């Protein structure tokens, strides 16, 4: 799962991922937060049968598109409710004051203790590597 903010999907890495993943029905795109008219996100919320990729070529939109209300500046109650619904295996906290991020991380660790959820708090410009098992297909 990749979640970016703001959620316009106009360009950048999230849009590149969208272009690579949009034709596969196993994928989904979760649009979060306020979506402005005229943005790519607003276009795909209506789930057209076909989209135009950044390279100008048409592609089928086979992935599911979901919209949820979310702000990157939510309080703890809203954030924890959101994460409980998603139940992600990994939570990466970014873009915050170090002490507050540490407190948030500790609260989340307590809340997700039974779920084997990995919670990471990054400093500015810090990288993280994640490895995923991929599905193999033949034919």
Protein backbone atom coordinates (compact mmCIF):
# COMPACT_ATOMS: atom_id res chain seq x y z
CA UNK A 1 0.00 0.00 0.00
CA UNK A 2 1.28 3.42 -0.90
CA UNK A 3 -0.43 6.46 0.55
CA UNK A 4 0.65 9.92 -0.48
CA UNK A 5 -0.45 13.40 0.40
CA UNK A 6 -1.82 15.53 -1.11
CA UNK A 7 -4.07 13.13 -2.94
CA UNK A 8 -4.31 14.80 -6.34
CA UNK A 9 -2.20 12.15 -8.15
CA UNK A 10 -1.14 14.78 -10.67
CA UNK A 11 2.48 13.66 -10.97
CA UNK A 12 5.37 12.15 -9.05
CA UNK A 13 6.02 8.67 -7.78
CA UNK A 14 2.43 7.97 -6.72
CA UNK A 15 1.20 8.78 -10.24
CA UNK A 16 3.90 6.57 -11.76
CA UNK A 17 2.73 3.70 -9.53
CA UNK A 18 -0.86 4.37 -10.55
CA UNK A 19 0.08 4.15 -14.23
CA UNK A 20 1.88 0.83 -13.62
CA UNK A 21 -0.87 -0.67 -11.48
CA UNK A 22 -4.16 0.65 -12.92
CA UNK A 23 -4.75 -2.17 -15.42
CA UNK A 24 -4.52 -5.00 -12.88
CA UNK A 25 -7.80 -5.87 -11.12
CA UNK A 26 -5.85 -7.14 -8.08
CA UNK A 27 -4.84 -3.56 -7.26
CA UNK A 28 -6.76 -0.76 -5.61
CA UNK A 29 -6.27 2.97 -5.29
CA UNK A 30 -7.41 4.67 -2.09
CA UNK A 31 -8.02 8.38 -2.57
CA UNK A 32 -7.85 10.15 0.77
CA UNK A 33 -8.61 13.62 1.97
CA UNK A 34 -10.04 16.52 0.03
CA UNK A 35 -9.93 16.06 -3.74
CA UNK A 36 -10.00 19.18 -5.90
CA UNK A 37 -11.90 19.50 -9.17
CA UNK A 38 -9.67 19.07 -12.20
CA UNK A 39 -7.20 16.71 -10.52
CA UNK A 40 -6.40 13.20 -11.67
CA UNK A 41 -7.78 11.83 -8.41
CA UNK A 42 -11.14 13.50 -9.06
CA UNK A 43 -11.20 11.94 -12.53
CA UNK A 44 -10.60 8.37 -11.35
CA UNK A 45 -13.06 8.56 -8.43
CA UNK A 46 -15.76 8.22 -11.10
CA UNK A 47 -14.05 4.98 -12.25
CA UNK A 48 -13.98 5.50 -16.02
CA UNK A 49 -13.47 2.34 -18.08
CA UNK A 50 -10.29 3.79 -19.60
CA UNK A 51 -7.67 6.34 -18.51
CA UNK A 52 -4.87 8.18 -20.26
CA UNK A 53 -1.45 7.43 -18.80
CA UNK A 54 1.21 10.11 -18.29
CA UNK A 55 2.85 8.98 -21.54
CA UNK A 56 -0.39 9.79 -23.42
CA UNK A 57 -1.38 6.17 -24.08
CA UNK A 58 -4.81 4.82 -23.13
CA UNK A 59 -5.10 2.02 -20.56
CA UNK A 60 -8.04 0.15 -19.03
CA UNK A 61 -8.88 1.13 -15.45
CA UNK A 62 -9.32 -2.33 -13.91
CA UNK A 63 -8.20 -1.50 -10.38
CA UNK A 64 -10.75 -0.57 -7.75
CA UNK A 65 -10.88 3.06 -6.69
CA UNK A 66 -12.02 3.98 -3.18
CA UNK A 67 -12.43 7.37 -1.51
CA UNK A 68 -12.04 7.88 2.23
CA UNK A 69 -12.00 11.04 4.28
CA UNK A 70 -8.57 11.49 5.83
CA UNK A 71 -6.31 14.41 6.72
CA UNK A 72 -2.58 13.98 7.30
CA UNK A 73 -3.01 16.21 10.37
CA UNK A 74 -5.59 14.10 12.21
CA UNK A 75 -5.55 13.64 15.96
CA UNK A 76 -4.67 10.31 17.60
CA UNK A 77 -8.26 9.05 17.85
CA UNK A 78 -8.93 9.65 14.14
CA UNK A 79 -5.57 8.20 13.07
CA UNK A 80 -5.90 5.07 15.21
CA UNK A 81 -9.47 4.44 14.00
CA UNK A 82 -8.28 4.80 10.41
CA UNK A 83 -5.40 2.36 11.00
CA UNK A 84 -7.67 -0.16 12.77
CA UNK A 85 -9.88 -0.23 9.68
CA UNK A 86 -6.93 -0.71 7.31
CA UNK A 87 -4.97 -3.11 9.54
CA UNK A 88 -1.70 -2.58 7.62
CA UNK A 89 1.28 -4.84 8.42
CA UNK A 90 3.59 -1.78 8.39
CA UNK A 91 3.03 1.77 9.62
CA UNK A 92 5.63 4.40 8.74
CA UNK A 93 5.31 7.74 10.52
CA UNK A 94 6.78 10.75 8.72
CA UNK A 95 6.64 14.54 8.76
CA UNK A 96 6.35 15.45 12.40
CA UNK A 97 8.13 16.87 15.42
CA UNK A 98 10.39 14.15 16.88
CA UNK A 99 8.93 14.08 20.41
CA UNK A 100 5.34 14.03 19.17
CA UNK A 101 6.17 11.31 16.64
CA UNK A 102 7.76 9.26 19.44
CA UNK A 103 4.63 9.60 21.57
CA UNK A 104 2.41 8.64 18.65
CA UNK A 105 4.61 5.64 17.88
CA UNK A 106 4.43 4.42 21.50
CA UNK A 107 0.63 4.76 21.59
CA UNK A 108 0.34 2.84 18.30
CA UNK A 109 2.69 0.11 19.52
CA UNK A 110 0.46 -0.33 22.58
CA UNK A 111 -2.67 -0.39 20.42
CA UNK A 112 -1.31 -2.82 17.81
CA UNK A 113 0.56 -5.13 20.21
CA UNK A 114 -1.59 -8.15 19.25
CA UNK A 115 -1.35 -7.62 15.49
CA UNK A 116 2.35 -8.06 14.73
CA UNK A 117 2.34 -4.61 13.09
CA UNK A 118 5.74 -3.05 12.39
CA UNK A 119 5.75 0.66 13.32
CA UNK A 120 8.60 2.89 12.18
CA UNK A 121 9.15 6.59 12.89
CA UNK A 122 11.44 8.27 10.35
CA UNK A 123 13.54 11.39 10.68
CA UNK A 124 13.55 13.90 7.83
CA UNK A 125 15.39 12.52 4.77
CA UNK A 126 15.71 9.06 6.36
CA UNK A 127 15.15 6.11 4.02
CA UNK A 128 13.41 2.85 4.74
CA UNK A 129 13.59 -0.43 2.83
CA UNK A 130 10.71 -2.85 2.78
CA UNK A 131 10.58 -6.29 1.25
CA UNK A 132 7.40 -7.97 0.05
CA UNK A 133 6.62 -11.48 -1.07
CA UNK A 134 5.29 -11.24 -4.59
CA UNK A 135 2.75 -13.43 -6.24
CA UNK A 136 4.20 -15.53 -9.04
CA UNK A 137 2.17 -16.29 -12.17
CA UNK A 138 2.79 -18.78 -14.93
CA UNK A 139 1.52 -18.37 -18.46
